[in-house]
Protein backbone atom coordinates (compact mmCIF):
# COMPACT_ATOMS: atom_id res chain seq x y z
CA MET A 1 13.73 -20.16 2.96
CA ALA A 2 15.57 -17.38 4.55
CA SER A 3 18.82 -17.85 6.69
CA GLU A 4 18.97 -16.55 9.99
CA ALA A 5 21.56 -14.07 9.04
CA GLN A 6 19.24 -12.86 6.28
CA ILE A 7 16.39 -12.64 8.87
CA ARG A 8 18.54 -10.75 11.46
CA ALA A 9 19.86 -8.27 8.75
CA ASN A 10 16.16 -7.63 7.73
CA ARG A 11 15.03 -6.97 11.30
CA ALA A 12 17.70 -4.80 11.88
CA TYR A 13 17.17 -2.86 8.59
CA GLU A 14 13.49 -2.47 9.85
CA LYS A 15 14.81 -0.87 13.12
CA ARG A 16 17.18 1.61 11.45
CA HIS A 17 14.50 2.39 9.12
CA PRO A 18 10.75 2.42 10.80
CA GLU A 19 9.49 5.01 8.21
CA ALA A 20 10.69 2.93 5.26
CA THR A 21 9.21 -0.37 6.63
CA ALA A 22 5.80 1.39 7.73
CA TYR A 23 5.54 2.91 4.17
CA LYS A 24 6.66 -0.71 2.31
CA ARG A 25 3.73 -2.22 4.88
CA ALA A 26 1.08 0.03 3.79
CA ARG A 27 1.78 0.14 0.03
CA ASN A 28 1.65 -3.72 0.18
CA MET A 29 -1.44 -3.67 2.13
CA ALA A 30 -3.26 -1.31 -0.30
CA MET A 31 -1.77 -3.52 -3.24
CA ARG A 32 -3.23 -6.82 -1.79
CA PHE A 33 -6.51 -4.85 -1.05
CA ALA A 34 -6.80 -4.05 -4.47
CA ASN A 35 -5.80 -7.37 -6.04
CA PRO A 36 -6.02 -10.34 -3.43
CA VAL A 37 -4.99 -13.67 -3.59
CA GLY A 38 -4.90 -16.66 -1.31
CA LYS A 39 -6.81 -16.30 1.71
CA LEU A 40 -7.52 -12.79 1.29
CA ALA A 41 -9.22 -13.49 -2.16
CA ALA A 42 -11.40 -16.21 -0.33
CA ALA A 43 -12.44 -13.63 2.14
CA VAL A 44 -12.99 -11.06 -0.48
CA ALA A 45 -15.13 -13.74 -2.31
CA THR A 46 -17.61 -13.38 0.96
CA ILE A 47 -17.91 -9.92 0.58
CA ASP A 48 -21.08 -8.22 -1.48
CA THR A 49 -20.04 -7.16 -4.78
CA THR A 50 -21.63 -3.62 -4.12
CA THR A 51 -19.68 -3.13 -0.73
CA ARG A 52 -16.27 -4.23 -2.88
CA LYS A 53 -17.07 -1.83 -5.24
CA GLN A 54 -17.55 0.98 -3.18
CA ASP A 55 -14.46 0.21 -1.10
CA LEU A 56 -12.70 0.21 -4.22
CA GLU A 57 -14.15 3.19 -5.41
CA GLU A 58 -13.28 5.07 -2.31
CA LEU A 59 -9.77 3.87 -2.53
CA GLN A 60 -9.68 5.20 -6.20
CA ASP A 61 -10.81 8.61 -5.07
CA ARG A 62 -8.21 8.78 -2.33
CA VAL A 63 -5.28 7.78 -5.04
CA THR A 64 -6.62 10.18 -7.32
CA ALA A 65 -6.67 12.98 -4.94
CA GLU A 66 -3.27 12.04 -3.76
CA LEU A 67 -1.92 12.22 -7.10
CA ALA A 68 -3.40 15.50 -7.76
CA ALA A 69 -1.58 17.16 -4.70
CA LEU A 70 1.72 15.41 -5.81
CA ALA A 71 1.18 16.79 -9.24
CA ALA A 72 0.31 20.30 -7.83
CA GLU A 73 3.41 20.13 -5.44
CA LYS A 74 5.63 19.08 -8.34
CA SER A 75 4.35 22.26 -10.41
CA LYS A 76 4.73 24.43 -7.68
CA LYS A 77 8.41 23.37 -7.12
CA GLU A 78 8.99 23.91 -10.89
CA ASN A 79 7.32 27.25 -10.95
CA SER A 80 9.70 28.36 -8.03
């Protein structure tokens, strides 16, 4: 369990770095969506397999597109 000092320090960091905090939360949500555990796993078990597959494929398409954009950006910087 975290001490009060650790909790305060964490909250202070989050206030000073809202962009990093938002990114970390979004990343964690995506990871949990792809690999659910606990209550989320129980909720996912109630979802139709076809729907779950479509949702994961959509996520995969978005990740693939973002990776391609990052690769193009990196290539552009290297050629500059």
